[in-house]
């Protein structure tokens, strides 16, 4: 309240009246409040802390809310008068307090109750001081501004929720596409496996018929040497194309997937070593055609390769899903951080031009961040796919190597069977003999079928372990591989 002093005394002279009027005018020029009046109440921090604890625990009344709002307003006025940036902190606290649902409900109910009471009670004229009227107007203005700010924040919150929902829906669509792609790959793999089983079944039937024809032949000695030489040369040239198993059955092996030349050379050397051993004591005719055990073992190895391929596909799918999820989370956090930073800077901007420039910078940075994370996602997915492709290529090399060894052993066994039945010596062995070497009438393998199977199994194990084959050192002594016969050629 302002108290204007009134001089009740009457001065006789005009000089005294002028002096008193000057004193009164000086008193009127004194401000209504001094800087010392701008003080925070006693125990301000303790009161604010207690009231904030009650609000957080949802144990408060309308009076406590009003008291806390009054303390925040005092703090804003105090620090704003001192040009201290702390007033923004208390202003944000006041806005957060007003935007709480329970507080808004309580304030609305209080306002309705006061409005109803004002209708019932007769109007009373209240004389207020101009200063208090001005303060009330400022408070009302601040309340309106706070409500406008809260409404804008709620709208922005709705926009954020819509963006999040859209992002989640896009992510679910990507996951669905990935699932469909993986299921299609699985179906194709199953079809290929079924086709391979059918080919194996069709391949085994003609082979048995060919074996019966060879064993039941009545004139085995009439097979010409030139024909067998042509068959041997054809078997050598067709190792990269069509490999003939019988008269009515043929199949193709594509060796382009054998990317390692050293690996294929080791296989060829190993097969040549297996074909150079001959003996007529440890051989049994039944072992030559008893290939069911070998076929079963080869089938198991091929099935194991197929299982490894399926396992790689499953790991590929899981790792891609985890990668998409991690990158999406990182991207969302980074975008939220950028938006929060620019929101504060736009709020602190003094002019509209600065706000517009900051908004443009924000949009550019958001777009750059999105492009960056999209590139990271594409790069990591490409790396994963390349890694899994290398693993699948290794398994394919193993499969093709197994097929190659199997086909060469089969051809070798069929040729040995025909030689055994006809009693004709191979021209290659004849060429290697000299005058000092003894002559032979029959040539049979040193190893029987069981030992050959064991050696082949060890070769497959080395191939699966990616270990190089141990080849014999030095030249092969043909004298140690043959046994002299009593009859001369």
Protein backbone atom coordinates (compact mmCIF):
# COMPACT_ATOMS: atom_id res chain seq x y z
CA UNK A 1 0.00 0.00 0.00
CA UNK A 2 1.14 3.53 -0.77
CA UNK A 3 0.78 6.13 1.96
CA UNK A 4 0.91 9.66 0.60
CA UNK A 5 1.79 12.07 3.38
CA UNK A 6 -0.59 15.00 3.83
CA UNK A 7 0.63 18.11 5.53
CA UNK A 8 -2.15 19.30 7.83
CA UNK A 9 -0.30 22.33 9.13
CA UNK A 10 -0.88 25.70 7.57
CA UNK A 11 2.13 27.86 6.99
CA UNK A 12 1.73 31.49 6.99
CA UNK A 13 4.34 32.37 4.44
CA UNK A 14 4.45 31.22 0.84
CA UNK A 15 8.14 30.28 1.16
CA UNK A 16 7.40 27.62 3.77
CA UNK A 17 4.56 26.23 1.62
CA UNK A 18 6.85 25.88 -1.39
CA UNK A 19 9.48 24.06 0.72
CA UNK A 20 6.94 21.60 2.07
CA UNK A 21 5.58 20.96 -1.43
CA UNK A 22 9.07 20.13 -2.68
CA UNK A 23 9.55 17.66 0.20
CA UNK A 24 6.21 16.04 -0.57
CA UNK A 25 7.03 15.70 -4.29
CA UNK A 26 10.33 14.03 -3.37
CA UNK A 27 8.49 11.59 -1.14
CA UNK A 28 6.06 10.81 -3.96
CA UNK A 29 8.96 9.96 -6.29
CA UNK A 30 10.17 7.18 -3.96
CA UNK A 31 9.42 3.75 -5.62
CA UNK A 32 6.68 1.54 -4.20
CA UNK A 33 9.21 -1.20 -3.30
CA UNK A 34 12.94 -1.38 -3.06
CA UNK A 35 15.36 -4.07 -4.20
CA UNK A 36 15.52 -5.27 -0.63
CA UNK A 37 11.81 -6.18 -0.84
CA UNK A 38 12.63 -8.75 -3.60
CA UNK A 39 13.54 -11.58 -1.31
CA UNK A 40 12.70 -15.24 -1.16
CA UNK A 41 10.72 -16.37 1.88
CA UNK A 42 12.49 -17.97 4.78
CA UNK A 43 13.27 -21.67 4.45
CA UNK A 44 12.38 -21.45 0.77
CA UNK A 45 14.30 -24.58 -0.26
CA UNK A 46 12.88 -26.70 2.56
CA UNK A 47 9.31 -25.68 1.77
CA UNK A 48 9.76 -26.38 -1.95
CA UNK A 49 11.35 -29.77 -1.23
CA UNK A 50 8.56 -30.88 1.12
CA UNK A 51 5.84 -29.81 -1.28
CA UNK A 52 7.55 -31.49 -4.26
CA UNK A 53 7.83 -34.75 -2.29
CA UNK A 54 4.10 -34.61 -1.53
CA UNK A 55 3.31 -34.00 -5.19
CA UNK A 56 5.50 -36.91 -6.34
CA UNK A 57 3.81 -39.22 -3.83
CA UNK A 58 0.35 -38.00 -4.99
CA UNK A 59 -0.48 -36.92 -1.43
CA UNK A 60 -1.38 -33.26 -1.71
CA UNK A 61 -4.23 -30.81 -1.48
CA UNK A 62 -5.27 -27.76 -3.43
CA UNK A 63 -3.70 -25.50 -0.83
CA UNK A 64 -0.35 -27.24 -1.14
CA UNK A 65 -0.50 -26.88 -4.93
CA UNK A 66 -1.29 -23.20 -4.64
CA UNK A 67 1.51 -22.74 -2.11
CA UNK A 68 4.02 -24.50 -4.40
CA UNK A 69 2.91 -22.42 -7.39
CA UNK A 70 3.31 -19.25 -5.33
CA UNK A 71 6.85 -20.26 -4.30
CA UNK A 72 7.79 -20.98 -7.93
CA UNK A 73 6.37 -17.60 -8.97
CA UNK A 74 8.35 -15.84 -6.23
CA UNK A 75 11.52 -17.56 -7.39
CA UNK A 76 10.87 -16.56 -11.01
CA UNK A 77 10.32 -12.91 -10.03
CA UNK A 78 13.35 -12.90 -7.75
CA UNK A 79 15.85 -14.34 -10.25
CA UNK A 80 14.36 -12.46 -13.18
CA UNK A 81 14.82 -9.20 -11.27
CA UNK A 82 18.48 -10.10 -10.81
CA UNK A 83 18.83 -11.10 -14.50
CA UNK A 84 19.79 -14.61 -13.43
CA UNK A 85 19.03 -17.55 -15.75
CA UNK A 86 17.79 -19.61 -12.81
CA UNK A 87 14.32 -18.19 -13.35
CA UNK A 88 14.01 -20.51 -16.38
CA UNK A 89 14.54 -23.51 -14.12
CA UNK A 90 11.67 -22.53 -11.82
CA UNK A 91 9.53 -21.53 -14.78
CA UNK A 92 9.93 -25.04 -16.24
CA UNK A 93 9.08 -26.54 -12.86
CA UNK A 94 5.92 -24.43 -12.72
CA UNK A 95 4.90 -25.55 -16.21
CA UNK A 96 5.51 -29.22 -15.41
CA UNK A 97 3.46 -28.90 -12.23
CA UNK A 98 0.54 -27.35 -14.08
CA UNK A 99 0.60 -29.98 -16.86
CA UNK A 100 0.16 -32.92 -14.49
CA UNK A 101 -3.21 -34.62 -14.94
CA UNK A 102 -4.11 -34.81 -11.26
CA UNK A 103 -3.14 -31.19 -10.66
CA UNK A 104 -5.17 -30.04 -13.66
CA UNK A 105 -8.21 -31.97 -12.47
CA UNK A 106 -7.89 -30.47 -9.01
CA UNK A 107 -7.51 -26.93 -10.35
CA UNK A 108 -10.47 -27.36 -12.69
CA UNK A 109 -12.67 -28.69 -9.91
CA UNK A 110 -11.60 -25.81 -7.69
CA UNK A 111 -12.40 -23.30 -10.44
CA UNK A 112 -15.85 -24.82 -11.00
CA UNK A 113 -16.56 -24.78 -7.28
CA UNK A 114 -15.52 -21.14 -6.98
CA UNK A 115 -17.62 -20.26 -10.02
CA UNK A 116 -20.71 -21.86 -8.52
CA UNK A 117 -20.16 -20.10 -5.20
CA UNK A 118 -19.73 -16.80 -6.98
CA UNK A 119 -23.12 -17.29 -8.65
CA UNK A 120 -24.87 -18.08 -5.38
CA UNK A 121 -23.26 -15.42 -3.21
CA UNK A 122 -24.14 -11.77 -3.86
CA UNK A 123 -21.56 -9.68 -5.48
CA UNK A 124 -19.56 -7.54 -3.13
CA UNK A 125 -17.58 -4.59 -4.18
CA UNK A 126 -14.01 -5.03 -3.15
CA UNK A 127 -11.70 -2.13 -3.15
CA UNK A 128 -8.24 -3.19 -4.23
CA UNK A 129 -5.06 -1.36 -4.56
CA UNK A 130 -3.78 -0.56 -8.11
CA UNK A 131 -0.66 -2.55 -7.42
CA UNK A 132 -2.59 -5.68 -6.51
CA UNK A 133 -4.77 -5.25 -9.60
CA UNK A 134 -1.68 -5.10 -11.73
CA UNK A 135 -0.26 -8.21 -10.08
CA UNK A 136 -3.52 -10.06 -10.64
CA UNK A 137 -3.52 -9.10 -14.30
CA UNK A 138 0.04 -10.30 -14.67
CA UNK A 139 -0.78 -13.58 -12.95
CA UNK A 140 -3.76 -14.13 -15.22
CA UNK A 141 -1.63 -13.34 -18.21
CA UNK A 142 1.04 -15.78 -17.03
CA UNK A 143 -1.58 -18.46 -16.46
CA UNK A 144 -2.91 -18.01 -19.99
CA UNK A 145 0.59 -18.17 -21.41
CA UNK A 146 1.32 -21.32 -19.42
CA UNK A 147 -1.87 -22.93 -20.69
CA UNK A 148 -0.97 -22.06 -24.27
CA UNK A 149 2.51 -23.52 -23.80
CA UNK A 150 1.09 -26.69 -22.26
CA UNK A 151 -1.34 -27.11 -25.16
CA UNK A 152 1.51 -26.76 -27.64
CA UNK A 153 3.57 -29.29 -25.72
CA UNK A 154 0.66 -31.73 -25.72
CA UNK A 155 0.30 -31.32 -29.48
CA UNK A 156 4.01 -31.94 -29.96
CA UNK A 157 3.74 -35.00 -27.74
CA UNK A 158 0.93 -36.32 -29.95
CA UNK A 159 3.09 -35.78 -33.03
CA UNK A 160 5.95 -37.68 -31.39
CA UNK A 161 3.67 -40.60 -30.56
CA UNK A 162 2.46 -40.70 -34.16
CA UNK A 163 6.05 -40.72 -35.42
CA UNK A 164 6.91 -43.55 -33.04
CA UNK A 165 3.87 -45.56 -34.16
CA UNK A 166 4.79 -45.05 -37.80
CA UNK A 167 8.37 -46.10 -37.12
CA UNK A 168 7.18 -49.25 -35.33
CA UNK A 169 4.81 -50.12 -38.18
CA UNK A 170 7.61 -49.66 -40.75
CA UNK A 171 9.86 -51.88 -38.66
CA UNK A 172 7.18 -54.57 -38.47
CA UNK A 173 6.76 -54.43 -42.26
CA UNK A 174 10.50 -54.88 -42.75
CA UNK A 175 10.48 -57.84 -40.36
CA UNK A 176 7.59 -59.39 -42.28
CA UNK A 177 9.47 -59.03 -45.58
CA UNK A 178 12.55 -60.64 -44.03
CA UNK A 179 10.46 -63.52 -42.68
CA UNK A 180 8.87 -64.12 -46.08
CA UNK A 181 12.26 -64.09 -47.78
CA UNK A 182 13.73 -66.55 -45.30
CA UNK A 183 10.74 -68.88 -45.58
CA UNK A 184 11.10 -68.81 -49.38
CA UNK A 185 14.78 -69.72 -49.04
CA UNK A 186 13.88 -72.62 -46.75
CA UNK A 187 11.28 -73.89 -49.22
CA UNK A 188 13.80 -73.74 -52.07
CA UNK A 189 16.35 -75.61 -49.96
CA UNK A 190 13.83 -78.35 -49.15
CA UNK A 191 12.95 -78.69 -52.84
CA UNK A 192 16.62 -79.04 -53.78
CA UNK A 193 17.14 -81.68 -51.10
CA UNK A 194 14.12 -83.64 -52.33
CA UNK A 195 15.36 -83.46 -55.93
CA UNK A 196 18.80 -84.65 -54.85
CA UNK A 197 17.30 -87.65 -53.02
CA UNK A 198 15.29 -88.55 -56.11
CA UNK A 199 18.40 -88.33 -58.28
CA UNK A 200 20.31 -90.56 -55.86
CA UNK A 201 17.48 -93.11 -55.93
CA UNK A 202 17.37 -93.10 -59.73
CA UNK A 203 21.15 -93.33 -59.90
CA UNK A 204 21.41 -96.44 -57.69
CA UNK A 205 18.98 -98.57 -59.78
CA UNK A 206 20.88 -98.51 -63.09
CA UNK A 207 24.17 -99.05 -61.27
CA UNK A 208 22.96 -102.39 -59.87
CA UNK A 209 21.74 -103.42 -63.35
CA UNK A 210 25.14 -102.59 -64.80
CA UNK A 211 26.85 -104.68 -62.10
CA UNK A 212 24.62 -107.66 -62.89
CA UNK A 213 25.35 -107.35 -66.61
CA UNK A 214 29.08 -107.35 -65.94
CA UNK A 215 28.98 -110.36 -63.61
CA UNK A 216 26.64 -112.39 -65.86
CA UNK A 217 28.62 -111.79 -69.05
CA UNK A 218 29.52 -115.09 -70.78
CA UNK A 219 32.32 -113.76 -73.03
CA UNK A 220 34.37 -111.38 -70.89
CA UNK A 221 37.64 -112.00 -72.78
CA UNK A 222 36.29 -110.46 -76.01
CA UNK A 223 36.37 -106.89 -74.72
CA UNK A 224 38.81 -104.98 -76.94
CA UNK A 225 41.69 -103.10 -75.43
CA UNK A 226 40.98 -99.98 -77.54
CA UNK A 227 37.49 -99.71 -76.08
CA UNK A 228 38.81 -99.83 -72.53
CA UNK A 229 41.49 -97.28 -73.38
CA UNK A 230 38.81 -94.99 -74.79
CA UNK A 231 36.72 -95.47 -71.65
CA UNK A 232 39.68 -94.57 -69.46
CA UNK A 233 40.50 -91.47 -71.48
CA UNK A 234 36.82 -90.52 -71.52
CA UNK A 235 36.72 -90.90 -67.73
CA UNK A 236 39.67 -88.52 -67.45
CA UNK A 237 38.26 -85.89 -69.77
CA UNK A 238 34.74 -86.02 -68.33
CA UNK A 239 35.80 -85.28 -64.76
CA UNK A 240 34.63 -81.68 -65.24
CA UNK A 241 31.54 -82.50 -67.28
CA UNK A 242 29.29 -85.59 -67.62
CA UNK A 243 30.47 -88.68 -65.67
CA UNK A 244 29.10 -91.96 -67.06
CA UNK A 245 28.02 -94.53 -64.46
CA UNK A 246 26.17 -97.03 -66.69
CA UNK A 247 24.65 -97.46 -70.11
CA UNK A 248 21.37 -95.76 -69.16
CA UNK A 249 22.38 -93.31 -66.39
CA UNK A 250 24.51 -90.16 -66.42
CA UNK A 251 24.77 -87.07 -64.24
CA UNK A 252 26.67 -83.79 -64.23
CA UNK A 253 29.02 -82.31 -61.64
CA UNK A 254 29.85 -78.64 -61.84
CA UNK A 255 33.37 -78.09 -60.52
CA UNK A 256 33.28 -74.31 -60.92
CA UNK A 257 32.41 -74.04 -57.24
CA UNK A 258 35.73 -75.71 -56.35
CA UNK A 259 37.49 -72.40 -55.93
CA UNK A 260 40.61 -73.81 -54.29
CA UNK A 261 42.90 -75.38 -56.93
CA UNK A 262 45.20 -76.79 -54.26
CA UNK A 263 42.27 -78.59 -52.69
CA UNK A 264 41.23 -80.25 -55.98
CA UNK A 265 44.86 -81.18 -56.80
CA UNK A 266 45.19 -82.95 -53.46
CA UNK A 267 42.01 -84.90 -54.17
CA UNK A 268 43.26 -85.96 -57.60
CA UNK A 269 46.63 -87.05 -56.21
CA UNK A 270 44.92 -89.03 -53.48
CA UNK A 271 42.69 -90.81 -56.00
CA UNK A 272 45.66 -91.69 -58.20
CA UNK A 273 47.45 -93.19 -55.19
CA UNK A 274 44.39 -95.27 -54.39
CA UNK A 275 44.21 -96.56 -57.97
CA UNK A 276 47.90 -97.62 -58.20
CA UNK A 277 47.82 -100.36 -55.53
CA UNK A 278 47.28 -103.96 -56.69
CA UNK A 279 47.53 -107.40 -55.03
CA UNK A 280 45.85 -110.74 -55.69
CA UNK A 281 45.63 -112.05 -52.10
CA UNK A 282 43.57 -109.49 -50.13
CA UNK A 283 40.81 -109.05 -52.68
CA UNK A 284 37.26 -110.35 -52.49
CA UNK A 285 34.68 -110.13 -55.27
CA UNK A 286 31.86 -109.49 -52.82
CA UNK A 287 33.58 -106.41 -51.38
CA UNK A 288 33.76 -104.78 -54.79
CA UNK A 289 30.00 -104.64 -55.22
CA UNK A 290 29.12 -104.26 -51.53
CA UNK A 291 28.84 -100.45 -51.66
CA UNK A 292 25.76 -99.98 -49.53
CA UNK A 293 27.77 -99.08 -46.41
CA UNK A 294 29.82 -96.54 -48.35
CA UNK A 295 26.68 -95.04 -49.88
CA UNK A 296 25.06 -94.71 -46.45
CA UNK A 297 28.12 -92.98 -45.05
CA UNK A 298 28.29 -90.59 -47.98
CA UNK A 299 24.58 -89.87 -47.58
CA UNK A 300 25.15 -89.04 -43.90
CA UNK A 301 27.96 -86.63 -44.77
CA UNK A 302 25.84 -84.90 -47.41
CA UNK A 303 22.91 -84.61 -45.00
CA UNK A 304 25.25 -83.09 -42.45
CA UNK A 305 26.32 -80.50 -45.02
CA UNK A 306 22.66 -79.69 -45.68
CA UNK A 307 22.03 -79.28 -41.96
CA UNK A 308 24.96 -76.88 -41.74
CA UNK A 309 23.48 -74.82 -44.59
CA UNK A 310 20.11 -74.64 -42.81
CA UNK A 311 21.85 -73.64 -39.59
CA UNK A 312 23.70 -70.84 -41.40
CA UNK A 313 20.41 -69.56 -42.86
CA UNK A 314 18.80 -69.51 -39.42
CA UNK A 315 21.76 -67.66 -37.90
CA UNK A 316 21.65 -65.19 -40.79
CA UNK A 317 17.98 -64.45 -40.13
CA UNK A 318 18.46 -63.99 -36.37
CA UNK A 319 21.52 -61.78 -36.72
CA UNK A 320 19.77 -59.55 -39.27
CA UNK A 321 16.77 -59.18 -36.94
CA UNK A 322 19.01 -58.22 -34.01
CA UNK A 323 20.94 -55.81 -36.23
CA UNK A 324 17.75 -54.05 -37.40
CA UNK A 325 16.54 -53.73 -33.81
CA UNK A 326 19.83 -52.30 -32.48
CA UNK A 327 20.19 -49.78 -35.32
CA UNK A 328 16.56 -48.67 -34.96
CA UNK A 329 17.06 -48.04 -31.21
CA UNK A 330 20.28 -46.10 -31.79
CA UNK A 331 18.65 -44.06 -34.54
CA UNK A 332 15.61 -43.21 -32.41
CA UNK A 333 17.76 -42.14 -29.43
CA UNK A 334 19.98 -39.95 -31.61
CA UNK A 335 17.02 -38.24 -33.28
CA UNK A 336 15.37 -37.61 -29.91
CA UNK A 337 18.61 -36.10 -28.59
CA UNK A 338 18.90 -33.75 -31.59
CA UNK A 339 15.26 -32.67 -31.28
CA UNK A 340 15.63 -31.95 -27.56
CA UNK A 341 18.78 -29.89 -28.09
CA UNK A 342 17.23 -27.76 -30.85
CA UNK A 343 14.03 -27.37 -28.88
CA UNK A 344 15.93 -25.67 -26.07
CA UNK A 345 17.91 -23.50 -28.48
CA UNK A 346 14.75 -22.42 -30.32
CA UNK A 347 13.13 -21.60 -27.02
CA UNK A 348 16.07 -19.41 -26.00
CA UNK A 349 16.19 -17.62 -29.37
CA UNK A 350 15.34 -13.92 -29.19
CA UNK A 351 13.92 -13.32 -32.67
CA UNK A 352 11.77 -15.25 -35.09
CA UNK A 353 14.52 -15.24 -37.71
CA UNK A 354 16.85 -17.06 -35.35
CA UNK A 355 14.11 -19.58 -34.61
CA UNK A 356 13.54 -20.23 -38.32
CA UNK A 357 17.27 -20.69 -38.95
CA UNK A 358 17.51 -23.12 -36.05
CA UNK A 359 14.53 -25.07 -37.37
CA UNK A 360 16.19 -25.37 -40.78
CA UNK A 361 19.44 -26.54 -39.18
CA UNK A 362 17.48 -29.07 -37.13
CA UNK A 363 15.75 -30.50 -40.20
CA UNK A 364 19.04 -30.78 -42.09
CA UNK A 365 20.78 -32.51 -39.19
CA UNK A 366 17.86 -34.91 -38.71
CA UNK A 367 17.95 -35.88 -42.39
CA UNK A 368 21.73 -36.37 -42.31
CA UNK A 369 21.42 -38.56 -39.23
CA UNK A 370 18.74 -40.70 -40.87
CA UNK A 371 20.86 -41.16 -44.00
CA UNK A 372 23.88 -42.03 -41.88
CA UNK A 373 22.07 -44.77 -39.98
CA UNK A 374 20.55 -46.12 -43.19
CA UNK A 375 24.03 -46.44 -44.66
CA UNK A 376 25.30 -48.14 -41.49
CA UNK A 377 22.41 -50.60 -41.63
CA UNK A 378 23.03 -51.43 -45.29
CA UNK A 379 26.77 -51.84 -44.70
CA UNK A 380 26.37 -54.14 -41.70
CA UNK A 381 23.75 -56.26 -43.46
CA UNK A 382 26.08 -56.59 -46.46
CA UNK A 383 28.94 -57.68 -44.17
CA UNK A 384 26.74 -60.30 -42.51
CA UNK A 385 25.54 -61.65 -45.83
CA UNK A 386 29.11 -61.81 -47.17
CA UNK A 387 30.24 -63.70 -44.07
CA UNK A 388 27.42 -66.25 -44.33
CA UNK A 389 28.02 -66.58 -48.09
CA UNK A 390 31.64 -67.51 -47.41
CA UNK A 391 30.53 -70.16 -44.92
CA UNK A 392 28.03 -71.59 -47.41
CA UNK A 393 30.69 -71.63 -50.13
CA UNK A 394 32.97 -73.67 -47.86
CA UNK A 395 30.21 -76.21 -47.32
CA UNK A 396 29.54 -76.34 -51.06
CA UNK A 397 33.23 -77.03 -51.68
CA UNK A 398 33.07 -79.89 -49.20
CA UNK A 399 29.99 -81.33 -50.91
CA UNK A 400 31.50 -81.12 -54.38
CA UNK A 401 34.76 -82.62 -53.14
CA UNK A 402 32.88 -85.55 -51.61
CA UNK A 403 30.96 -86.08 -54.84
CA UNK A 404 34.15 -85.94 -56.86
CA UNK A 405 35.93 -88.51 -54.69
CA UNK A 406 32.86 -90.77 -54.70
CA UNK A 407 32.48 -90.74 -58.47
CA UNK A 408 36.15 -91.43 -59.08
CA UNK A 409 36.09 -94.37 -56.65
CA UNK A 410 32.97 -95.76 -58.33
CA UNK A 411 34.51 -95.54 -61.77
CA UNK A 412 37.70 -97.13 -60.51
CA UNK A 413 35.77 -99.98 -58.90
CA UNK A 414 33.77 -100.65 -62.08
CA UNK A 415 36.95 -100.71 -64.21
CA UNK A 416 38.67 -103.08 -61.76
CA UNK A 417 35.62 -105.35 -61.85
CA UNK A 418 35.71 -105.52 -65.64
CA UNK A 419 39.45 -106.26 -65.61
CA UNK A 420 39.00 -108.94 -62.99
CA UNK A 421 36.23 -110.59 -65.00
CA UNK A 422 38.11 -110.45 -68.32
CA UNK A 423 41.63 -111.20 -67.05
CA UNK A 424 43.10 -108.55 -69.37
CA UNK A 425 45.97 -106.39 -68.11
CA UNK A 426 45.67 -102.61 -68.40
CA UNK A 427 47.84 -101.11 -71.18
CA UNK A 428 49.00 -98.41 -68.79
CA UNK A 429 50.59 -101.07 -66.54
CA UNK A 430 52.12 -102.78 -69.58
CA UNK A 431 53.73 -99.54 -70.65
CA UNK A 432 55.31 -99.00 -67.23
CA UNK A 433 56.92 -102.44 -67.17
CA UNK A 434 60.44 -103.06 -68.35
CA UNK A 435 62.43 -106.19 -69.24
CA UNK A 436 63.68 -106.59 -65.66
CA UNK A 437 60.17 -106.47 -64.18
CA UNK A 438 58.27 -109.73 -63.76
CA UNK A 439 55.13 -110.41 -65.79
CA UNK A 440 51.63 -110.78 -64.49
CA UNK A 441 48.36 -112.22 -65.64
CA UNK A 442 46.03 -110.67 -63.04
CA UNK A 443 46.14 -107.35 -61.21
CA UNK A 444 44.00 -106.82 -58.14
CA UNK A 445 43.93 -104.00 -55.56
CA UNK A 446 46.14 -104.25 -52.49
CA UNK A 447 43.41 -102.83 -50.28
CA UNK A 448 40.06 -104.55 -49.96
CA UNK A 449 36.78 -102.64 -49.85
CA UNK A 450 36.80 -102.23 -46.04
CA UNK A 451 40.27 -100.62 -46.03
CA UNK A 452 39.30 -98.46 -49.00
CA UNK A 453 36.21 -97.29 -47.12
CA UNK A 454 38.30 -96.49 -44.03
CA UNK A 455 40.80 -94.50 -46.10
CA UNK A 456 37.96 -92.64 -47.83
CA UNK A 457 36.37 -91.80 -44.46
CA UNK A 458 39.66 -90.32 -43.21
CA UNK A 459 39.85 -88.23 -46.37
CA UNK A 460 36.33 -86.88 -45.74
CA UNK A 461 37.21 -86.06 -42.12
CA UNK A 462 40.27 -84.10 -43.24
CA UNK A 463 38.14 -82.23 -45.75
CA UNK A 464 35.57 -81.29 -43.10
CA UNK A 465 38.32 -80.10 -40.75
CA UNK A 466 39.89 -78.03 -43.59
CA UNK A 467 43.24 -79.80 -43.10
CA UNK A 468 45.60 -80.52 -46.02
CA UNK A 469 46.01 -84.14 -47.06
CA UNK A 470 49.26 -85.90 -46.17
CA UNK A 471 50.63 -87.17 -49.48
CA UNK A 472 53.47 -89.72 -49.61
CA UNK A 473 56.91 -88.25 -50.12
CA UNK A 474 59.05 -89.34 -53.05
CA UNK A 475 58.15 -91.34 -56.17
CA UNK A 476 55.93 -94.39 -55.97
CA UNK A 477 57.79 -97.72 -56.34
CA UNK A 478 55.77 -99.87 -58.72
CA UNK A 479 57.87 -102.96 -57.85
CA UNK A 480 56.50 -102.86 -54.34
CA UNK A 481 52.93 -102.70 -55.61
CA UNK A 482 53.01 -105.82 -57.82
CA UNK A 483 53.63 -109.48 -57.17
CA UNK A 484 55.51 -111.72 -59.63
CA UNK A 485 53.71 -114.60 -61.32
CA UNK A 486 55.07 -117.97 -62.39
CA UNK A 487 53.71 -117.61 -65.90
CA UNK A 488 55.41 -115.38 -68.41
CA UNK A 489 53.41 -113.12 -70.62
